[in-house]
Amino acid sequence: MSPMHQEEQNMNCPECQTAPREQHRLGCEWEQCPNCGEHWVDCDCLPALRDRLVWMGCCSWLDACIEFGFFEKEVDGKWVPCRDDDPESQPDVSRLCRKCRWNQVEKKYVLLRKGTR
């Protein structure tokens, strides 16, 4: 994993400055819904407060892109897959959305099996 992506995995929450493994401040726009994986403030799930996810020092979508090697870079005006250690790489969230889904039990993105959506 590139040093840049390692740094991103151990940061305080950019919104509420919560340290890794701590609860976000209530109302933080970066807090994720444990049910759907979306930002809590944007989802309609209304999960119980006791089910809140802690900030792990990184966004779950970035964790998933790192885990599955989903990175891209722009080449001649088109986005193409690349390695995470490419100096111009960035997480490929579009590929993550196509190839993964939020697992409500595991509280993380998991790869879709072939033939499922």
PDB file of N, CA and C in Angstrom:
ATOM      1  N   MET A   1       0.844  -1.180   0.000  1.00  0.00           N
ATOM      2  CA  MET A   1       0.000   0.000   0.000  1.00  0.00           C
ATOM      3  C   MET A   1       0.885   1.236   0.000  1.00  0.00           C
ATOM      4  N   SER A   2       0.486   2.221  -0.765  1.00  0.00           N
ATOM      5  CA  SER A   2       1.305   3.425  -0.866  1.00  0.00           C
ATOM      6  C   SER A   2       1.281   4.196   0.456  1.00  0.00           C
ATOM      7  N   PRO A   3       2.357   4.918   0.770  1.00  0.00           N
ATOM      8  CA  PRO A   3       2.404   5.700   2.014  1.00  0.00           C
ATOM      9  C   PRO A   3       1.254   6.690   2.126  1.00  0.00           C
ATOM     10  N   MET A   4       0.831   7.262   0.982  1.00  0.00           N
ATOM     11  CA  MET A   4      -0.275   8.219   1.009  1.00  0.00           C
ATOM     12  C   MET A   4      -1.541   7.545   1.531  1.00  0.00           C
ATOM     13  N   HIS A   5      -1.840   6.340   1.059  1.00  0.00           N
ATOM     14  CA  HIS A   5      -3.057   5.661   1.474  1.00  0.00           C
ATOM     15  C   HIS A   5      -2.941   5.149   2.908  1.00  0.00           C
ATOM     16  N   GLN A   6      -1.739   4.830   3.376  1.00  0.00           N
ATOM     17  CA  GLN A   6      -1.557   4.443   4.768  1.00  0.00           C
ATOM     18  C   GLN A   6      -1.879   5.615   5.686  1.00  0.00           C
ATOM     19  N   GLU A   7      -1.420   6.801   5.319  1.00  0.00           N
ATOM     20  CA  GLU A   7      -1.708   8.002   6.120  1.00  0.00           C
ATOM     21  C   GLU A   7      -3.198   8.233   6.229  1.00  0.00           C
ATOM     22  N   GLU A   8      -3.931   8.040   5.121  1.00  0.00           N
ATOM     23  CA  GLU A   8      -5.362   8.287   5.108  1.00  0.00           C
ATOM     24  C   GLU A   8      -6.109   7.321   6.011  1.00  0.00           C
ATOM     25  N   GLN A   9      -5.516   6.189   6.371  1.00  0.00           N
ATOM     26  CA  GLN A   9      -6.197   5.216   7.205  1.00  0.00           C
ATOM     27  C   GLN A   9      -6.075   5.520   8.693  1.00  0.00           C
ATOM     28  N   ASN A  10      -5.307   6.490   9.095  1.00  0.00           N
ATOM     29  CA  ASN A  10      -5.103   6.763  10.514  1.00  0.00           C
ATOM     30  C   ASN A  10      -5.329   8.222  10.861  1.00  0.00           C
ATOM     31  N   MET A  11      -6.305   8.829  10.222  1.00  0.00           N
ATOM     32  CA  MET A  11      -6.531  10.252  10.464  1.00  0.00           C
ATOM     33  C   MET A  11      -7.748  10.465  11.360  1.00  0.00           C
ATOM     34  N   ASN A  12      -7.779  11.619  11.994  1.00  0.00           N
ATOM     35  CA  ASN A  12      -8.985  12.022  12.710  1.00  0.00           C
ATOM     36  C   ASN A  12     -10.075  12.300  11.693  1.00  0.00           C
ATOM     37  N   CYS A  13     -11.312  12.206  12.114  1.00  0.00           N
ATOM     38  CA  CYS A  13     -12.427  12.500  11.220  1.00  0.00           C
ATOM     39  C   CYS A  13     -12.283  13.928  10.694  1.00  0.00           C
ATOM     40  N   PRO A  14     -12.350  14.120   9.383  1.00  0.00           N
ATOM     41  CA  PRO A  14     -12.200  15.464   8.815  1.00  0.00           C
ATOM     42  C   PRO A  14     -13.298  16.439   9.241  1.00  0.00           C
ATOM     43  N   GLU A  15     -14.451  15.924   9.627  1.00  0.00           N
ATOM     44  CA  GLU A  15     -15.581  16.786   9.996  1.00  0.00           C
ATOM     45  C   GLU A  15     -15.559  17.146  11.484  1.00  0.00           C
ATOM     46  N   CYS A  16     -15.522  16.147  12.363  1.00  0.00           N
ATOM     47  CA  CYS A  16     -15.670  16.416  13.800  1.00  0.00           C
ATOM     48  C   CYS A  16     -14.384  16.211  14.593  1.00  0.00           C
ATOM     49  N   GLN A  17     -13.299  15.844  13.909  1.00  0.00           N
ATOM     50  CA  GLN A  17     -11.979  15.651  14.509  1.00  0.00           C
ATOM     51  C   GLN A  17     -11.908  14.508  15.523  1.00  0.00           C
ATOM     52  N   THR A  18     -12.865  13.586  15.472  1.00  0.00           N
ATOM     53  CA  THR A  18     -12.839  12.415  16.336  1.00  0.00           C
ATOM     54  C   THR A  18     -11.613  11.574  16.016  1.00  0.00           C
ATOM     55  N   ALA A  19     -10.965  11.059  17.043  1.00  0.00           N
ATOM     56  CA  ALA A  19      -9.800  10.187  16.866  1.00  0.00           C
ATOM     57  C   ALA A  19     -10.259   8.785  16.439  1.00  0.00           C
ATOM     58  N   PRO A  20      -9.385   8.027  15.773  1.00  0.00           N
ATOM     59  CA  PRO A  20      -9.736   6.656  15.409  1.00  0.00           C
ATOM     60  C   PRO A  20     -10.194   5.834  16.618  1.00  0.00           C
ATOM     61  N   ARG A  21     -11.173   4.978  16.388  1.00  0.00           N
ATOM     62  CA  ARG A  21     -11.789   4.082  17.366  1.00  0.00           C
ATOM     63  C   ARG A  21     -12.640   4.813  18.413  1.00  0.00           C
ATOM     64  N   GLU A  22     -13.061   6.035  18.070  1.00  0.00           N
ATOM     65  CA  GLU A  22     -13.952   6.814  18.939  1.00  0.00           C
ATOM     66  C   GLU A  22     -15.255   7.096  18.196  1.00  0.00           C
ATOM     67  N   GLN A  23     -16.292   7.461  18.950  1.00  0.00           N
ATOM     68  CA  GLN A  23     -17.579   7.824  18.348  1.00  0.00           C
ATOM     69  C   GLN A  23     -17.487   9.214  17.726  1.00  0.00           C
ATOM     70  N   HIS A  24     -18.131   9.386  16.588  1.00  0.00           N
ATOM     71  CA  HIS A  24     -18.262  10.722  15.999  1.00  0.00           C
ATOM     72  C   HIS A  24     -19.088  11.588  16.940  1.00  0.00           C
ATOM     73  N   ARG A  25     -18.914  12.880  16.821  1.00  0.00           N
ATOM     74  CA  ARG A  25     -19.825  13.786  17.528  1.00  0.00           C
ATOM     75  C   ARG A  25     -21.177  13.683  16.848  1.00  0.00           C
ATOM     76  N   LEU A  26     -22.242  13.739  17.621  1.00  0.00           N
ATOM     77  CA  LEU A  26     -23.589  13.653  17.035  1.00  0.00           C
ATOM     78  C   LEU A  26     -23.769  14.731  15.982  1.00  0.00           C
ATOM     79  N   GLY A  27     -24.321  14.354  14.854  1.00  0.00           N
ATOM     80  CA  GLY A  27     -24.545  15.281  13.756  1.00  0.00           C
ATOM     81  C   GLY A  27     -23.403  15.370  12.773  1.00  0.00           C
ATOM     82  N   CYS A  28     -22.318  14.634  13.005  1.00  0.00           N
ATOM     83  CA  CYS A  28     -21.181  14.665  12.088  1.00  0.00           C
ATOM     84  C   CYS A  28     -21.605  14.137  10.726  1.00  0.00           C
ATOM     85  N   GLU A  29     -21.283  14.886   9.690  1.00  0.00           N
ATOM     86  CA  GLU A  29     -21.688  14.503   8.335  1.00  0.00           C
ATOM     87  C   GLU A  29     -20.877  13.341   7.779  1.00  0.00           C
ATOM     88  N   TRP A  30     -19.799  12.939   8.437  1.00  0.00           N
ATOM     89  CA  TRP A  30     -18.983  11.816   7.969  1.00  0.00           C
ATOM     90  C   TRP A  30     -19.387  10.500   8.623  1.00  0.00           C
ATOM     91  N   GLU A  31     -20.245  10.546   9.640  1.00  0.00           N
ATOM     92  CA  GLU A  31     -20.648   9.306  10.304  1.00  0.00           C
ATOM     93  C   GLU A  31     -21.487   8.460   9.363  1.00  0.00           C
ATOM     94  N   GLN A  32     -21.201   7.164   9.338  1.00  0.00           N
ATOM     95  CA  GLN A  32     -21.907   6.249   8.448  1.00  0.00           C
ATOM     96  C   GLN A  32     -23.057   5.571   9.154  1.00  0.00           C
ATOM     97  N   CYS A  33     -24.088   5.280   8.390  1.00  0.00           N
ATOM     98  CA  CYS A  33     -25.217   4.495   8.884  1.00  0.00           C
ATOM     99  C   CYS A  33     -24.773   3.029   8.951  1.00  0.00           C
ATOM    100  N   PRO A  34     -24.997   2.353  10.083  1.00  0.00           N
ATOM    101  CA  PRO A  34     -24.608   0.951  10.193  1.00  0.00           C
ATOM    102  C   PRO A  34     -25.465   0.027   9.331  1.00  0.00           C
ATOM    103  N   ASN A  35     -26.624   0.509   8.911  1.00  0.00           N
ATOM    104  CA  ASN A  35     -27.532  -0.331   8.124  1.00  0.00           C
ATOM    105  C   ASN A  35     -27.235  -0.306   6.627  1.00  0.00           C
ATOM    106  N   CYS A  36     -26.949   0.887   6.090  1.00  0.00           N
ATOM    107  CA  CYS A  36     -26.805   0.987   4.633  1.00  0.00           C
ATOM    108  C   CYS A  36     -25.413   1.442   4.189  1.00  0.00           C
ATOM    109  N   GLY A  37     -24.596   1.938   5.107  1.00  0.00           N
ATOM    110  CA  GLY A  37     -23.256   2.389   4.761  1.00  0.00           C
ATOM    111  C   GLY A  37     -23.183   3.814   4.253  1.00  0.00           C
ATOM    112  N   GLU A  38     -24.328   4.430   4.020  1.00  0.00           N
ATOM    113  CA  GLU A  38     -24.347   5.822   3.553  1.00  0.00           C
ATOM    114  C   GLU A  38     -24.057   6.751   4.730  1.00  0.00           C
ATOM    115  N   HIS A  39     -23.836   8.027   4.418  1.00  0.00           N
ATOM    116  CA  HIS A  39     -23.678   8.996   5.498  1.00  0.00           C
ATOM    117  C   HIS A  39     -24.982   9.035   6.291  1.00  0.00           C
ATOM    118  N   TRP A  40     -24.836   8.963   7.606  1.00  0.00           N
ATOM    119  CA  TRP A  40     -26.002   8.898   8.496  1.00  0.00           C
ATOM    120  C   TRP A  40     -26.974  10.046   8.220  1.00  0.00           C
ATOM    121  N   VAL A  41     -26.463  11.250   8.000  1.00  0.00           N
ATOM    122  CA  VAL A  41     -27.337  12.410   7.812  1.00  0.00           C
ATOM    123  C   VAL A  41     -28.104  12.349   6.492  1.00  0.00           C
ATOM    124  N   ASP A  42     -27.668  11.494   5.543  1.00  0.00           N
ATOM    125  CA  ASP A  42     -28.325  11.398   4.236  1.00  0.00           C
ATOM    126  C   ASP A  42     -29.227  10.182   4.080  1.00  0.00           C
ATOM    127  N   CYS A  43     -29.195   9.256   5.027  1.00  0.00           N
ATOM    128  CA  CYS A  43     -29.969   8.022   4.849  1.00  0.00           C
ATOM    129  C   CYS A  43     -31.322   8.124   5.539  1.00  0.00           C
ATOM    130  N   ASP A  44     -32.203   7.198   5.196  1.00  0.00           N
ATOM    131  CA  ASP A  44     -33.552   7.160   5.774  1.00  0.00           C
ATOM    132  C   ASP A  44     -33.739   5.979   6.719  1.00  0.00           C
ATOM    133  N   CYS A  45     -32.660   5.289   7.089  1.00  0.00           N
ATOM    134  CA  CYS A  45     -32.754   4.057   7.883  1.00  0.00           C
ATOM    135  C   CYS A  45     -33.178   4.294   9.330  1.00  0.00           C
ATOM    136  N   LEU A  46     -32.761   5.377   9.919  1.00  0.00           N
ATOM    137  CA  LEU A  46     -33.015   5.686  11.321  1.00  0.00           C
ATOM    138  C   LEU A  46     -32.601   4.560  12.262  1.00  0.00           C
ATOM    139  N   PRO A  47     -31.320   4.156  12.228  1.00  0.00           N
ATOM    140  CA  PRO A  47     -30.862   3.106  13.131  1.00  0.00           C
ATOM    141  C   PRO A  47     -30.810   3.606  14.579  1.00  0.00           C
ATOM    142  N   ALA A  48     -30.818   2.667  15.505  1.00  0.00           N
ATOM    143  CA  ALA A  48     -30.743   3.012  16.926  1.00  0.00           C
ATOM    144  C   ALA A  48     -29.379   3.625  17.239  1.00  0.00           C
ATOM    145  N   LEU A  49     -29.348   4.577  18.144  1.00  0.00           N
ATOM    146  CA  LEU A  49     -28.089   5.224  18.520  1.00  0.00           C
ATOM    147  C   LEU A  49     -27.080   4.221  19.072  1.00  0.00           C
ATOM    148  N   ARG A  50     -27.556   3.149  19.695  1.00  0.00           N
ATOM    149  CA  ARG A  50     -26.638   2.145  20.250  1.00  0.00           C
ATOM    150  C   ARG A  50     -25.891   1.372  19.155  1.00  0.00           C
ATOM    151  N   ASP A  51     -26.362   1.456  17.913  1.00  0.00           N
ATOM    152  CA  ASP A  51     -25.740   0.751  16.793  1.00  0.00           C
ATOM    153  C   ASP A  51     -24.729   1.604  16.032  1.00  0.00           C
ATOM    154  N   ARG A  52     -24.453   2.804  16.522  1.00  0.00           N
ATOM    155  CA  ARG A  52     -23.548   3.705  15.811  1.00  0.00           C
ATOM    156  C   ARG A  52     -22.195   3.066  15.575  1.00  0.00           C
ATOM    157  N   LEU A  53     -21.599   3.351  14.411  1.00  0.00           N
ATOM    158  CA  LEU A  53     -20.265   2.871  14.077  1.00  0.00           C
ATOM    159  C   LEU A  53     -19.232   3.869  14.592  1.00  0.00           C
ATOM    160  N   VAL A  54     -18.122   3.364  15.062  1.00  0.00           N
ATOM    161  CA  VAL A  54     -17.043   4.261  15.481  1.00  0.00           C
ATOM    162  C   VAL A  54     -16.230   4.644  14.250  1.00  0.00           C
ATOM    163  N   TRP A  55     -15.558   5.772  14.345  1.00  0.00           N
ATOM    164  CA  TRP A  55     -14.642   6.221  13.292  1.00  0.00           C
ATOM    165  C   TRP A  55     -13.393   5.365  13.412  1.00  0.00           C
ATOM    166  N   MET A  56     -12.997   4.731  12.323  1.00  0.00           N
ATOM    167  CA  MET A  56     -11.841   3.841  12.352  1.00  0.00           C
ATOM    168  C   MET A  56     -10.578   4.484  11.771  1.00  0.00           C
ATOM    169  N   GLY A  57     -10.616   5.787  11.543  1.00  0.00           N
ATOM    170  CA  GLY A  57      -9.438   6.459  11.015  1.00  0.00           C
ATOM    171  C   GLY A  57      -9.421   6.538   9.511  1.00  0.00           C
ATOM    172  N   CYS A  58     -10.501   6.067   8.894  1.00  0.00           N
ATOM    173  CA  CYS A  58     -10.584   6.024   7.437  1.00  0.00           C
ATOM    174  C   CYS A  58     -12.036   5.793   7.051  1.00  0.00           C
ATOM    175  N   CYS A  59     -12.424   6.285   5.903  1.00  0.00           N
ATOM    176  CA  CYS A  59     -13.774   6.019   5.387  1.00  0.00           C
ATOM    177  C   CYS A  59     -13.854   4.564   4.955  1.00  0.00           C
ATOM    178  N   SER A  60     -14.984   3.926   5.177  1.00  0.00           N
ATOM    179  CA  SER A  60     -15.125   2.509   4.821  1.00  0.00           C
ATOM    180  C   SER A  60     -14.972   2.289   3.323  1.00  0.00           C
ATOM    181  N   TRP A  61     -15.378   3.269   2.509  1.00  0.00           N
ATOM    182  CA  TRP A  61     -15.218   3.101   1.065  1.00  0.00           C
ATOM    183  C   TRP A  61     -13.745   3.121   0.683  1.00  0.00           C
ATOM    184  N   LEU A  62     -12.929   3.912   1.400  1.00  0.00           N
ATOM    185  CA  LEU A  62     -11.493   3.914   1.128  1.00  0.00           C
ATOM    186  C   LEU A  62     -10.863   2.605   1.596  1.00  0.00           C
ATOM    187  N   ASP A  63     -11.276   2.136   2.781  1.00  0.00           N
ATOM    188  CA  ASP A  63     -10.804   0.831   3.256  1.00  0.00           C
ATOM    189  C   ASP A  63     -11.083  -0.251   2.214  1.00  0.00           C
ATOM    190  N   ALA A  64     -12.295  -0.237   1.654  1.00  0.00           N
ATOM    191  CA  ALA A  64     -12.684  -1.255   0.669  1.00  0.00           C
ATOM    192  C   ALA A  64     -11.866  -1.119  -0.612  1.00  0.00           C
ATOM    193  N   CYS A  65     -11.671   0.098  -1.081  1.00  0.00           N
ATOM    194  CA  CYS A  65     -10.860   0.291  -2.291  1.00  0.00           C
ATOM    195  C   CYS A  65      -9.438  -0.220  -2.067  1.00  0.00           C
ATOM    196  N   ILE A  66      -8.891   0.014  -0.883  1.00  0.00           N
ATOM    197  CA  ILE A  66      -7.556  -0.481  -0.561  1.00  0.00           C
ATOM    198  C   ILE A  66      -7.571  -2.005  -0.496  1.00  0.00           C
ATOM    199  N   GLU A  67      -8.552  -2.567   0.209  1.00  0.00           N
ATOM    200  CA  GLU A  67      -8.632  -4.028   0.355  1.00  0.00           C
ATOM    201  C   GLU A  67      -8.744  -4.735  -0.998  1.00  0.00           C
ATOM    202  N   PHE A  68      -9.571  -4.196  -1.898  1.00  0.00           N
ATOM    203  CA  PHE A  68      -9.827  -4.857  -3.169  1.00  0.00           C
ATOM    204  C   PHE A  68      -8.935  -4.356  -4.309  1.00  0.00           C
ATOM    205  N   GLY A  69      -8.087  -3.361  -4.027  1.00  0.00           N
ATOM    206  CA  GLY A  69      -7.184  -2.847  -5.050  1.00  0.00           C
ATOM    207  C   GLY A  69      -7.884  -2.031  -6.118  1.00  0.00           C
ATOM    208  N   PHE A  70      -8.947  -1.324  -5.744  1.00  0.00           N
ATOM    209  CA  PHE A  70      -9.719  -0.521  -6.692  1.00  0.00           C
ATOM    210  C   PHE A  70      -9.150   0.899  -6.737  1.00  0.00           C
ATOM    211  N   PHE A  71      -8.237   1.135  -7.680  1.00  0.00           N
ATOM    212  CA  PHE A  71      -7.656   2.448  -7.888  1.00  0.00           C
ATOM    213  C   PHE A  71      -7.677   2.768  -9.369  1.00  0.00           C
ATOM    214  N   GLU A  72      -7.656   4.058  -9.664  1.00  0.00           N
ATOM    215  CA  GLU A  72      -7.695   4.509 -11.049  1.00  0.00           C
ATOM    216  C   GLU A  72      -6.862   5.766 -11.186  1.00  0.00           C
ATOM    217  N   LYS A  73      -6.536   6.075 -12.446  1.00  0.00           N
ATOM    218  CA  LYS A  73      -5.854   7.329 -12.749  1.00  0.00           C
ATOM    219  C   LYS A  73      -6.327   7.782 -14.122  1.00  0.00           C
ATOM    220  N   GLU A  74      -6.148   9.066 -14.388  1.00  0.00           N
ATOM    221  CA  GLU A  74      -6.554   9.622 -15.676  1.00  0.00           C
ATOM    222  C   GLU A  74      -5.404   9.495 -16.666  1.00  0.00           C
ATOM    223  N   VAL A  75      -5.714   8.915 -17.823  1.00  0.00           N
ATOM    224  CA  VAL A  75      -4.746   8.754 -18.905  1.00  0.00           C
ATOM    225  C   VAL A  75      -5.422   9.187 -20.201  1.00  0.00           C
ATOM    226  N   ASP A  76      -4.891  10.208 -20.838  1.00  0.00           N
ATOM    227  CA  ASP A  76      -5.443  10.719 -22.096  1.00  0.00           C
ATOM    228  C   ASP A  76      -6.948  11.009 -21.995  1.00  0.00           C
ATOM    229  N   GLY A  77      -7.358  11.605 -20.881  1.00  0.00           N
ATOM    230  CA  GLY A  77      -8.746  12.016 -20.702  1.00  0.00           C
ATOM    231  C   GLY A  77      -9.697  10.905 -20.290  1.00  0.00           C
ATOM    232  N   LYS A  78      -9.173   9.696 -20.034  1.00  0.00           N
ATOM    233  CA  LYS A  78     -10.022   8.579 -19.607  1.00  0.00           C
ATOM    234  C   LYS A  78      -9.491   8.026 -18.294  1.00  0.00           C
ATOM    235  N   TRP A  79     -10.403   7.534 -17.458  1.00  0.00           N
ATOM    236  CA  TRP A  79     -10.018   6.931 -16.189  1.00  0.00           C
ATOM    237  C   TRP A  79      -9.779   5.451 -16.411  1.00  0.00           C
ATOM    238  N   VAL A  80      -8.592   4.998 -16.014  1.00  0.00           N
ATOM    239  CA  VAL A  80      -8.209   3.602 -16.208  1.00  0.00           C
ATOM    240  C   VAL A  80      -7.743   3.015 -14.868  1.00  0.00           C
ATOM    241  N   PRO A  81      -7.969   1.713 -14.673  1.00  0.00           N
ATOM    242  CA  PRO A  81      -7.490   1.073 -13.444  1.00  0.00           C
ATOM    243  C   PRO A  81      -5.975   1.171 -13.332  1.00  0.00           C
ATOM    244  N   CYS A  82      -5.489   1.244 -12.108  1.00  0.00           N
ATOM    245  CA  CYS A  82      -4.047   1.289 -11.863  1.00  0.00           C
ATOM    246  C   CYS A  82      -3.769   0.693 -10.493  1.00  0.00           C
ATOM    247  N   ARG A  83      -2.503   0.621 -10.155  1.00  0.00           N
ATOM    248  CA  ARG A  83      -2.099   0.128  -8.839  1.00  0.00           C
ATOM    249  C   ARG A  83      -2.212   1.246  -7.809  1.00  0.00           C
ATOM    250  N   ASP A  84      -2.351   0.853  -6.552  1.00  0.00           N
ATOM    251  CA  ASP A  84      -2.476   1.872  -5.508  1.00  0.00           C
ATOM    252  C   ASP A  84      -1.192   2.665  -5.308  1.00  0.00           C
ATOM    253  N   ASP A  85      -0.051   2.111  -5.711  1.00  0.00           N
ATOM    254  CA  ASP A  85       1.201   2.827  -5.515  1.00  0.00           C
ATOM    255  C   ASP A  85       1.583   3.719  -6.697  1.00  0.00           C
ATOM    256  N   ASP A  86       0.711   3.798  -7.690  1.00  0.00           N
ATOM    257  CA  ASP A  86       0.942   4.729  -8.798  1.00  0.00           C
ATOM    258  C   ASP A  86       0.826   6.145  -8.228  1.00  0.00           C
ATOM    259  N   PRO A  87       1.774   7.035  -8.535  1.00  0.00           N
ATOM    260  CA  PRO A  87       1.737   8.380  -7.950  1.00  0.00           C
ATOM    261  C   PRO A  87       0.463   9.171  -8.283  1.00  0.00           C
ATOM    262  N   GLU A  88      -0.218   8.820  -9.334  1.00  0.00           N
ATOM    263  CA  GLU A  88      -1.433   9.548  -9.713  1.00  0.00           C
ATOM    264  C   GLU A  88      -2.711   8.791  -9.356  1.00  0.00           C
ATOM    265  N   SER A  89      -2.590   7.736  -8.565  1.00  0.00           N
ATOM    266  CA  SER A  89      -3.758   6.904  -8.257  1.00  0.00           C
ATOM    267  C   SER A  89      -4.723   7.613  -7.312  1.00  0.00           C
ATOM    268  N   GLN A  90      -5.966   7.232  -7.454  1.00  0.00           N
ATOM    269  CA  GLN A  90      -6.995   7.653  -6.511  1.00  0.00           C
ATOM    270  C   GLN A  90      -7.981   6.506  -6.387  1.00  0.00           C
ATOM    271  N   PRO A  91      -8.713   6.444  -5.269  1.00  0.00           N
ATOM    272  CA  PRO A  91      -9.664   5.352  -5.098  1.00  0.00           C
ATOM    273  C   PRO A  91     -10.698   5.341  -6.225  1.00  0.00           C
ATOM    274  N   ASP A  92     -11.019   4.153  -6.715  1.00  0.00           N
ATOM    275  CA  ASP A  92     -12.002   3.986  -7.783  1.00  0.00           C
ATOM    276  C   ASP A  92     -13.355   3.634  -7.153  1.00  0.00           C
ATOM    277  N   VAL A  93     -14.060   4.660  -6.699  1.00  0.00           N
ATOM    278  CA  VAL A  93     -15.328   4.475  -6.005  1.00  0.00           C
ATOM    279  C   VAL A  93     -16.404   3.959  -6.964  1.00  0.00           C
ATOM    280  N   SER A  94     -16.333   4.327  -8.225  1.00  0.00           N
ATOM    281  CA  SER A  94     -17.310   3.818  -9.195  1.00  0.00           C
ATOM    282  C   SER A  94     -17.220   2.297  -9.307  1.00  0.00           C
ATOM    283  N   ARG A  95     -15.994   1.768  -9.376  1.00  0.00           N
ATOM    284  CA  ARG A  95     -15.827   0.316  -9.444  1.00  0.00           C
ATOM    285  C   ARG A  95     -16.301  -0.327  -8.140  1.00  0.00           C
ATOM    286  N   LEU A  96     -16.028   0.322  -7.017  1.00  0.00           N
ATOM    287  CA  LEU A  96     -16.503  -0.183  -5.731  1.00  0.00           C
ATOM    288  C   LEU A  96     -18.021  -0.321  -5.745  1.00  0.00           C
ATOM    289  N   CYS A  97     -18.714   0.694  -6.244  1.00  0.00           N
ATOM    290  CA  CYS A  97     -20.182   0.660  -6.282  1.00  0.00           C
ATOM    291  C   CYS A  97     -20.713  -0.421  -7.232  1.00  0.00           C
ATOM    292  N   ARG A  98     -19.974  -0.693  -8.294  1.00  0.00           N
ATOM    293  CA  ARG A  98     -20.400  -1.732  -9.240  1.00  0.00           C
ATOM    294  C   ARG A  98     -20.128  -3.141  -8.733  1.00  0.00           C
ATOM    295  N   LYS A  99     -19.036  -3.321  -8.029  1.00  0.00           N
ATOM    296  CA  LYS A  99     -18.583  -4.666  -7.694  1.00  0.00           C
ATOM    297  C   LYS A  99     -18.801  -5.070  -6.231  1.00  0.00           C
ATOM    298  N   CYS A 100     -19.291  -4.150  -5.413  1.00  0.00           N
ATOM    299  CA  CYS A 100     -19.458  -4.430  -3.987  1.00  0.00           C
ATOM    300  C   CYS A 100     -20.814  -3.959  -3.490  1.00  0.00           C
ATOM    301  N   ARG A 101     -21.149  -4.403  -2.306  1.00  0.00           N
ATOM    302  CA  ARG A 101     -22.334  -3.905  -1.612  1.00  0.00           C
ATOM    303  C   ARG A 101     -22.004  -3.785  -0.132  1.00  0.00           C
ATOM    304  N   TRP A 102     -22.791  -2.981   0.575  1.00  0.00           N
ATOM    305  CA  TRP A 102     -22.606  -2.823   2.015  1.00  0.00           C
ATOM    306  C   TRP A 102     -23.196  -4.043   2.700  1.00  0.00           C
ATOM    307  N   ASN A 103     -22.422  -4.690   3.564  1.00  0.00           N
ATOM    308  CA  ASN A 103     -22.896  -5.836   4.324  1.00  0.00           C
ATOM    309  C   ASN A 103     -23.296  -5.334   5.702  1.00  0.00           C
ATOM    310  N   GLN A 104     -24.580  -5.422   6.001  1.00  0.00           N
ATOM    311  CA  GLN A 104     -25.126  -4.863   7.227  1.00  0.00           C
ATOM    312  C   GLN A 104     -24.620  -5.608   8.464  1.00  0.00           C
ATOM    313  N   VAL A 105     -24.347  -6.893   8.332  1.00  0.00           N
ATOM    314  CA  VAL A 105     -23.867  -7.679   9.462  1.00  0.00           C
ATOM    315  C   VAL A 105     -22.391  -7.385   9.737  1.00  0.00           C
ATOM    316  N   GLU A 106     -21.571  -7.406   8.677  1.00  0.00           N
ATOM    317  CA  GLU A 106     -20.136  -7.178   8.834  1.00  0.00           C
ATOM    318  C   GLU A 106     -19.775  -5.703   8.947  1.00  0.00           C
ATOM    319  N   LYS A 107     -20.698  -4.831   8.597  1.00  0.00           N
ATOM    320  CA  LYS A 107     -20.494  -3.375   8.653  1.00  0.00           C
ATOM    321  C   LYS A 107     -19.335  -2.941   7.772  1.00  0.00           C
ATOM    322  N   LYS A 108     -19.301  -3.486   6.545  1.00  0.00           N
ATOM    323  CA  LYS A 108     -18.264  -3.118   5.590  1.00  0.00           C
ATOM    324  C   LYS A 108     -18.723  -3.501   4.188  1.00  0.00           C
ATOM    325  N   TYR A 109     -17.989  -3.003   3.192  1.00  0.00           N
ATOM    326  CA  TYR A 109     -18.274  -3.369   1.811  1.00  0.00           C
ATOM    327  C   TYR A 109     -17.709  -4.754   1.537  1.00  0.00           C
ATOM    328  N   VAL A 110     -18.471  -5.563   0.825  1.00  0.00           N
ATOM    329  CA  VAL A 110     -18.037  -6.905   0.433  1.00  0.00           C
ATOM    330  C   VAL A 110     -18.234  -7.051  -1.068  1.00  0.00           C
ATOM    331  N   LEU A 111     -17.382  -7.876  -1.681  1.00  0.00           N
ATOM    332  CA  LEU A 111     -17.495  -8.132  -3.116  1.00  0.00           C
ATOM    333  C   LEU A 111     -18.782  -8.878  -3.410  1.00  0.00           C
ATOM    334  N   LEU A 112     -19.438  -8.481  -4.495  1.00  0.00           N
ATOM    335  CA  LEU A 112     -20.611  -9.217  -4.960  1.00  0.00           C
ATOM    336  C   LEU A 112     -20.151 -10.517  -5.586  1.00  0.00           C
ATOM    337  N   ARG A 113     -20.919 -11.541  -5.400  1.00  0.00           N
ATOM    338  CA  ARG A 113     -20.641 -12.799  -6.093  1.00  0.00           C
ATOM    339  C   ARG A 113     -21.154 -12.662  -7.515  1.00  0.00           C
ATOM    340  N   LYS A 114     -20.547 -13.380  -8.438  1.00  0.00           N
ATOM    341  CA  LYS A 114     -20.998 -13.336  -9.832  1.00  0.00           C
ATOM    342  C   LYS A 114     -22.460 -13.722  -9.895  1.00  0.00           C
ATOM    343  N   GLY A 115     -23.208 -12.967 -10.707  1.00  0.00           N
ATOM    344  CA  GLY A 115     -24.628 -13.236 -10.875  1.00  0.00           C
ATOM    345  C   GLY A 115     -25.527 -12.553  -9.872  1.00  0.00           C
ATOM    346  N   THR A 116     -24.968 -11.769  -8.903  1.00  0.00           N
ATOM    347  CA  THR A 116     -25.790 -11.033  -7.944  1.00  0.00           C
ATOM    348  C   THR A 116     -25.638  -9.547  -8.166  1.00  0.00           C
ATOM    349  N   ARG A 117     -26.600  -8.804  -7.707  1.00  0.00           N
ATOM    350  CA  ARG A 117     -26.568  -7.332  -7.813  1.00  0.00           C
ATOM    351  C   ARG A 117     -26.968  -6.717  -6.523  1.00  0.00           C
TER     352      ARG A 117
END
